[in-house]
Amino acid sequence: MRAKSYLDIETSYHGEITVVGIYRHPYDLVQIVHPEIDAAAVLRALDGTEEILSYWGHRFDIPVIRRNLGVDLREIFASTDLADRCHRHGLYGGLKSVEKRLGIPRATEGLTGADAMRLWHEWTLGREASLEVLLKYNEEDVVNLYLLERELAALG
């Protein structure tokens, strides 16, 4: 079995990467927060990874990382976009709507990517609690990718 890492990024209103979240089951969470985000930090966090799993990662996360950090993770690691696997099971939409359909819970229910940008902006203005919520949101994104992969495997 491949060593898997579940990856999700958050961005600012200006497209800058604000948080890189990486999760390895059973509980190894790494969150790199701007300004600590660079190619070396991301590659260190992925050390030992053979396969990256994401949701819309082939269309968003990985290209944004390539543009902002100059590293193409798909050239280094095997990569699976779970959105594509969801589509094969008739599950369409964003991660949160698919989670809902499969009964995967969230403490940050109702927050979206737009909220993640807003939370980052609030944090830059000095609102400490906003970063805590943003990091919890990102943590649930990456942990729920693991749960989503399990649900998809059960569907066959």
Foldseek 3Di string as FASTA:
>chain_A
DFFEKEWDFAAAPVLHTAWIWIAGPPGDIDIDGPPRDEPVVVVVSCPRGAEYEYACCVPPVQVSCCVRHVDRVVVVHHYDHVQVLCVVVVRDDGPLSSCVVLVNDAPLPPDDSVLLNVLVVVVVVPPVVSVVSNVSVRVCRRVVSVVSVVSSVVVD
